[in-house]
Amino acid sequence: LYQSMLEEAIAKIKAGELEGLSAADDQWAPQINLGVPVLIPEPYVPDLDVRLGLYRRLSELSTKVELEGFAAELIDRFGELPVQAIDLLNSIRIKWIAISMGLERVVMKKNRLIGYFVADQQSDYYQSPAFTKVLQYVQNKSGEVTMKEKQTRNGLRLLLTIENINSVNKALNILRPFV
């Protein structure tokens, strides 16, 4: 459903059917792969239409206050949040942090978090205060955090690697200084 909605929105943007949006807009969303289920489990919200509506609403949230309100509503309507739903909400937070850090992709696997920086090495991002903040963080956390260039199938990429990350919550906590 998400993929279908995304393809439909992209087609509308390209056709100029969505007001206020264009294919040239700077707003982008990084790919987030946390290696764990990040979802609203069926036993928690049994009705498929309600779950889909919640996902749709979740995709439209853009502030911390809205996300906290959404979480409070879930708890009020359905009870204590299961781990998968907590991880889903935290994945949204990680996505927002990744945007502010200039990460196009975030992958969590084998007890490490890997962030892929903006692919365009001539990007203004690399001269920005956000990138300077990342560099300072890496210097202060040497041993736990490394930054290096790596050849990928899409060319040479700058990667941020953080060791000993074994949960979505731990990933969020280590990335919080970037907000």
C-alpha atoms as a PDB file:
ATOM      1  CA  LEU A   1       0.000   0.000   0.000  1.00  0.00           C
ATOM      2  CA  TYR A   2       2.777   2.412   0.926  1.00  0.00           C
ATOM      3  CA  GLN A   3       4.637   1.698  -2.315  1.00  0.00           C
ATOM      4  CA  SER A   4       1.441   2.206  -4.333  1.00  0.00           C
ATOM      5  CA  MET A   5       0.692   5.499  -2.565  1.00  0.00           C
ATOM      6  CA  LEU A   6       4.264   6.671  -3.116  1.00  0.00           C
ATOM      7  CA  GLU A   7       4.200   5.822  -6.839  1.00  0.00           C
ATOM      8  CA  GLU A   8       0.853   7.589  -7.234  1.00  0.00           C
ATOM      9  CA  ALA A   9       2.138  10.715  -5.476  1.00  0.00           C
ATOM     10  CA  ILE A  10       5.304  10.768  -7.610  1.00  0.00           C
ATOM     11  CA  ALA A  11       3.249  10.454 -10.782  1.00  0.00           C
ATOM     12  CA  LYS A  12       1.011  13.353  -9.665  1.00  0.00           C
ATOM     13  CA  ILE A  13       4.017  15.505  -8.793  1.00  0.00           C
ATOM     14  CA  LYS A  14       5.579  14.874 -12.182  1.00  0.00           C
ATOM     15  CA  ALA A  15       2.273  15.673 -13.885  1.00  0.00           C
ATOM     16  CA  GLY A  16       1.964  18.880 -11.831  1.00  0.00           C
ATOM     17  CA  GLU A  17      -1.309  17.719 -10.244  1.00  0.00           C
ATOM     18  CA  LEU A  18      -0.274  18.253  -6.624  1.00  0.00           C
ATOM     19  CA  GLU A  19      -0.343  21.909  -5.726  1.00  0.00           C
ATOM     20  CA  GLY A  20       2.725  23.301  -4.018  1.00  0.00           C
ATOM     21  CA  LEU A  21       4.909  20.334  -4.902  1.00  0.00           C
ATOM     22  CA  SER A  22       7.296  19.786  -7.749  1.00  0.00           C
ATOM     23  CA  ALA A  23       9.861  17.189  -8.635  1.00  0.00           C
ATOM     24  CA  ALA A  24      12.519  19.810  -7.883  1.00  0.00           C
ATOM     25  CA  ASP A  25      11.477  20.339  -4.250  1.00  0.00           C
ATOM     26  CA  ASP A  26      14.301  19.828  -1.789  1.00  0.00           C
ATOM     27  CA  GLN A  27      12.220  17.757   0.649  1.00  0.00           C
ATOM     28  CA  TRP A  28      13.333  14.148   0.509  1.00  0.00           C
ATOM     29  CA  ALA A  29      12.984  11.127   2.707  1.00  0.00           C
ATOM     30  CA  PRO A  30      15.879   8.847   3.567  1.00  0.00           C
ATOM     31  CA  GLN A  31      15.586   5.074   3.330  1.00  0.00           C
ATOM     32  CA  ILE A  32      15.420   3.546   6.787  1.00  0.00           C
ATOM     33  CA  ASN A  33      16.113  -0.180   7.263  1.00  0.00           C
ATOM     34  CA  LEU A  34      16.280  -1.113  10.913  1.00  0.00           C
ATOM     35  CA  GLY A  35      16.217  -4.885  10.496  1.00  0.00           C
ATOM     36  CA  VAL A  36      13.304  -5.297  12.923  1.00  0.00           C
ATOM     37  CA  PRO A  37       9.525  -5.171  12.427  1.00  0.00           C
ATOM     38  CA  VAL A  38       8.338  -1.561  12.611  1.00  0.00           C
ATOM     39  CA  LEU A  39       4.584  -1.730  12.344  1.00  0.00           C
ATOM     40  CA  ILE A  40       1.245  -1.580  14.068  1.00  0.00           C
ATOM     41  CA  PRO A  41       0.634  -5.263  14.863  1.00  0.00           C
ATOM     42  CA  GLU A  42      -2.669  -6.839  13.866  1.00  0.00           C
ATOM     43  CA  PRO A  43      -3.464  -8.016  17.418  1.00  0.00           C
ATOM     44  CA  TYR A  44      -3.024  -4.410  18.644  1.00  0.00           C
ATOM     45  CA  VAL A  45      -5.313  -2.896  15.971  1.00  0.00           C
ATOM     46  CA  PRO A  46      -7.287  -5.810  14.470  1.00  0.00           C
ATOM     47  CA  ASP A  47      -9.251  -3.783  11.893  1.00  0.00           C
ATOM     48  CA  LEU A  48      -7.237  -3.473   8.664  1.00  0.00           C
ATOM     49  CA  ASP A  49      -8.966  -0.268   7.555  1.00  0.00           C
ATOM     50  CA  VAL A  50      -8.216   1.379  10.899  1.00  0.00           C
ATOM     51  CA  ARG A  51      -4.545   0.280  10.707  1.00  0.00           C
ATOM     52  CA  LEU A  52      -4.218   1.634   7.166  1.00  0.00           C
ATOM     53  CA  GLY A  53      -5.773   4.925   8.274  1.00  0.00           C
ATOM     54  CA  LEU A  54      -3.280   5.118  11.137  1.00  0.00           C
ATOM     55  CA  TYR A  55      -0.373   4.499   8.744  1.00  0.00           C
ATOM     56  CA  ARG A  56      -1.705   7.190   6.429  1.00  0.00           C
ATOM     57  CA  ARG A  57      -1.963   9.677   9.307  1.00  0.00           C
ATOM     58  CA  LEU A  58       1.479   8.702  10.572  1.00  0.00           C
ATOM     59  CA  SER A  59       3.006   9.400   7.166  1.00  0.00           C
ATOM     60  CA  GLU A  60       1.624  12.956   7.299  1.00  0.00           C
ATOM     61  CA  LEU A  61       3.108  13.878  10.686  1.00  0.00           C
ATOM     62  CA  SER A  62       5.923  16.392  10.570  1.00  0.00           C
ATOM     63  CA  THR A  63       6.600  17.534  14.147  1.00  0.00           C
ATOM     64  CA  LYS A  64       7.563  16.010  17.459  1.00  0.00           C
ATOM     65  CA  VAL A  65       4.363  17.339  19.044  1.00  0.00           C
ATOM     66  CA  GLU A  66       2.210  15.705  16.359  1.00  0.00           C
ATOM     67  CA  LEU A  67       4.044  12.402  16.796  1.00  0.00           C
ATOM     68  CA  GLU A  68       3.659  12.499  20.579  1.00  0.00           C
ATOM     69  CA  GLY A  69      -0.048  13.275  20.166  1.00  0.00           C
ATOM     70  CA  PHE A  70      -0.400  10.360  17.770  1.00  0.00           C
ATOM     71  CA  ALA A  71       1.295   8.023  20.276  1.00  0.00           C
ATOM     72  CA  ALA A  72      -0.954   9.273  23.077  1.00  0.00           C
ATOM     73  CA  GLU A  73      -4.021   8.659  20.908  1.00  0.00           C
ATOM     74  CA  LEU A  74      -2.881   5.098  20.160  1.00  0.00           C
ATOM     75  CA  ILE A  75      -2.436   4.410  23.859  1.00  0.00           C
ATOM     76  CA  ASP A  76      -5.825   5.956  24.653  1.00  0.00           C
ATOM     77  CA  ARG A  77      -7.644   3.981  21.957  1.00  0.00           C
ATOM     78  CA  PHE A  78      -5.830   0.647  21.970  1.00  0.00           C
ATOM     79  CA  GLY A  79      -3.788   0.390  25.176  1.00  0.00           C
ATOM     80  CA  GLU A  80      -0.075   0.187  25.883  1.00  0.00           C
ATOM     81  CA  LEU A  81       2.076   0.324  22.751  1.00  0.00           C
ATOM     82  CA  PRO A  82       3.671  -2.965  21.662  1.00  0.00           C
ATOM     83  CA  VAL A  83       7.391  -2.996  20.891  1.00  0.00           C
ATOM     84  CA  GLN A  84       6.819  -2.990  17.113  1.00  0.00           C
ATOM     85  CA  ALA A  85       4.684   0.166  17.345  1.00  0.00           C
ATOM     86  CA  ILE A  86       7.251   1.875  19.587  1.00  0.00           C
ATOM     87  CA  ASP A  87       9.926   0.968  17.032  1.00  0.00           C
ATOM     88  CA  LEU A  88       7.685   2.358  14.264  1.00  0.00           C
ATOM     89  CA  LEU A  89       7.342   5.702  16.042  1.00  0.00           C
ATOM     90  CA  ASN A  90      11.079   5.753  16.767  1.00  0.00           C
ATOM     91  CA  SER A  91      11.809   4.991  13.108  1.00  0.00           C
ATOM     92  CA  ILE A  92       9.966   8.219  12.233  1.00  0.00           C
ATOM     93  CA  ARG A  93      12.155  10.081  14.724  1.00  0.00           C
ATOM     94  CA  ILE A  94      15.259   8.466  13.212  1.00  0.00           C
ATOM     95  CA  LYS A  95      14.085   9.506   9.749  1.00  0.00           C
ATOM     96  CA  TRP A  96      13.795  13.138  10.889  1.00  0.00           C
ATOM     97  CA  ILE A  97      17.269  13.018  12.453  1.00  0.00           C
ATOM     98  CA  ALA A  98      18.691  11.410   9.295  1.00  0.00           C
ATOM     99  CA  ILE A  99      17.295  14.294   7.236  1.00  0.00           C
ATOM    100  CA  SER A 100      18.933  16.842   9.527  1.00  0.00           C
ATOM    101  CA  MET A 101      22.226  14.896   9.378  1.00  0.00           C
ATOM    102  CA  GLY A 102      22.217  14.627   5.587  1.00  0.00           C
ATOM    103  CA  LEU A 103      21.852  10.851   5.559  1.00  0.00           C
ATOM    104  CA  GLU A 104      20.160   9.420   2.494  1.00  0.00           C
ATOM    105  CA  ARG A 105      20.025   5.935   3.956  1.00  0.00           C
ATOM    106  CA  VAL A 106      20.210   4.393   7.430  1.00  0.00           C
ATOM    107  CA  VAL A 107      20.768   0.666   7.950  1.00  0.00           C
ATOM    108  CA  MET A 108      20.912  -1.188  11.256  1.00  0.00           C
ATOM    109  CA  LYS A 109      22.434  -4.666  11.134  1.00  0.00           C
ATOM    110  CA  LYS A 110      24.958  -6.828  12.943  1.00  0.00           C
ATOM    111  CA  ASN A 111      24.966  -4.547  16.011  1.00  0.00           C
ATOM    112  CA  ARG A 112      25.892  -1.462  14.041  1.00  0.00           C
ATOM    113  CA  LEU A 113      24.164   1.499  12.514  1.00  0.00           C
ATOM    114  CA  ILE A 114      25.399   2.671   9.123  1.00  0.00           C
ATOM    115  CA  GLY A 115      24.442   6.042   7.708  1.00  0.00           C
ATOM    116  CA  TYR A 116      25.011   6.846   4.038  1.00  0.00           C
ATOM    117  CA  PHE A 117      25.640  10.545   3.484  1.00  0.00           C
ATOM    118  CA  VAL A 118      24.461  12.584   0.522  1.00  0.00           C
ATOM    119  CA  ALA A 119      25.818  10.907  -2.614  1.00  0.00           C
ATOM    120  CA  ASP A 120      26.715  14.125  -4.439  1.00  0.00           C
ATOM    121  CA  GLN A 121      30.183  14.896  -3.106  1.00  0.00           C
ATOM    122  CA  GLN A 122      29.909  18.434  -4.515  1.00  0.00           C
ATOM    123  CA  SER A 123      26.756  19.089  -2.488  1.00  0.00           C
ATOM    124  CA  ASP A 124      26.586  22.253  -0.379  1.00  0.00           C
ATOM    125  CA  TYR A 125      25.716  19.955   2.517  1.00  0.00           C
ATOM    126  CA  TYR A 126      29.411  19.150   2.990  1.00  0.00           C
ATOM    127  CA  GLN A 127      30.068  22.837   3.759  1.00  0.00           C
ATOM    128  CA  SER A 128      27.065  23.171   6.108  1.00  0.00           C
ATOM    129  CA  PRO A 129      26.931  23.553   9.905  1.00  0.00           C
ATOM    130  CA  ALA A 130      25.033  20.225  10.039  1.00  0.00           C
ATOM    131  CA  PHE A 131      27.982  18.361   8.517  1.00  0.00           C
ATOM    132  CA  THR A 132      30.427  20.218  10.773  1.00  0.00           C
ATOM    133  CA  LYS A 133      28.365  19.029  13.761  1.00  0.00           C
ATOM    134  CA  VAL A 134      28.604  15.432  12.509  1.00  0.00           C
ATOM    135  CA  LEU A 135      32.383  15.742  12.118  1.00  0.00           C
ATOM    136  CA  GLN A 136      32.733  17.081  15.668  1.00  0.00           C
ATOM    137  CA  TYR A 137      30.597  14.238  16.990  1.00  0.00           C
ATOM    138  CA  VAL A 138      32.765  11.654  15.216  1.00  0.00           C
ATOM    139  CA  GLN A 139      35.922  13.235  16.683  1.00  0.00           C
ATOM    140  CA  ASN A 140      34.449  13.184  20.202  1.00  0.00           C
ATOM    141  CA  LYS A 141      33.259   9.582  19.921  1.00  0.00           C
ATOM    142  CA  SER A 142      36.261   8.006  18.181  1.00  0.00           C
ATOM    143  CA  GLY A 143      36.197   4.281  18.809  1.00  0.00           C
ATOM    144  CA  GLU A 144      32.402   4.065  18.884  1.00  0.00           C
ATOM    145  CA  VAL A 145      31.788   6.102  15.742  1.00  0.00           C
ATOM    146  CA  THR A 146      33.745   6.098  12.502  1.00  0.00           C
ATOM    147  CA  MET A 147      33.436   7.890   9.206  1.00  0.00           C
ATOM    148  CA  LYS A 148      35.002   6.603   6.009  1.00  0.00           C
ATOM    149  CA  GLU A 149      34.607   6.503   2.263  1.00  0.00           C
ATOM    150  CA  LYS A 150      33.551   3.229   0.754  1.00  0.00           C
ATOM    151  CA  GLN A 151      33.070   2.079  -2.801  1.00  0.00           C
ATOM    152  CA  THR A 152      29.444   0.987  -3.288  1.00  0.00           C
ATOM    153  CA  ARG A 153      27.619  -0.156  -6.397  1.00  0.00           C
ATOM    154  CA  ASN A 154      26.399   3.455  -6.707  1.00  0.00           C
ATOM    155  CA  GLY A 155      29.914   4.890  -6.521  1.00  0.00           C
ATOM    156  CA  LEU A 156      32.105   6.251  -3.738  1.00  0.00           C
ATOM    157  CA  ARG A 157      30.062   7.069  -0.609  1.00  0.00           C
ATOM    158  CA  LEU A 158      30.830   8.617   2.747  1.00  0.00           C
ATOM    159  CA  LEU A 159      29.566   6.374   5.547  1.00  0.00           C
ATOM    160  CA  LEU A 160      29.006   6.933   9.253  1.00  0.00           C
ATOM    161  CA  THR A 161      29.255   3.735  11.298  1.00  0.00           C
ATOM    162  CA  ILE A 162      28.199   3.485  14.936  1.00  0.00           C
ATOM    163  CA  GLU A 163      29.057   0.284  16.794  1.00  0.00           C
ATOM    164  CA  ASN A 164      27.106  -1.572  19.502  1.00  0.00           C
ATOM    165  CA  ILE A 165      23.632  -0.627  18.277  1.00  0.00           C
ATOM    166  CA  ASN A 166      21.320  -3.550  18.972  1.00  0.00           C
ATOM    167  CA  SER A 167      17.909  -1.861  19.176  1.00  0.00           C
ATOM    168  CA  VAL A 168      15.915   0.900  17.548  1.00  0.00           C
ATOM    169  CA  ASN A 169      15.754   2.717  20.888  1.00  0.00           C
ATOM    170  CA  LYS A 170      19.539   2.634  21.249  1.00  0.00           C
ATOM    171  CA  ALA A 171      19.942   3.913  17.679  1.00  0.00           C
ATOM    172  CA  LEU A 172      17.566   6.787  18.425  1.00  0.00           C
ATOM    173  CA  ASN A 173      19.368   7.688  21.646  1.00  0.00           C
ATOM    174  CA  ILE A 174      22.785   7.782  19.973  1.00  0.00           C
ATOM    175  CA  LEU A 175      21.442   9.952  17.135  1.00  0.00           C
ATOM    176  CA  ARG A 176      19.530  12.428  19.338  1.00  0.00           C
ATOM    177  CA  PRO A 177      22.441  14.894  19.689  1.00  0.00           C
ATOM    178  CA  PHE A 178      21.954  15.762  16.010  1.00  0.00           C
ATOM    179  CA  VAL A 179      18.545  17.340  16.531  1.00  0.00           C
END
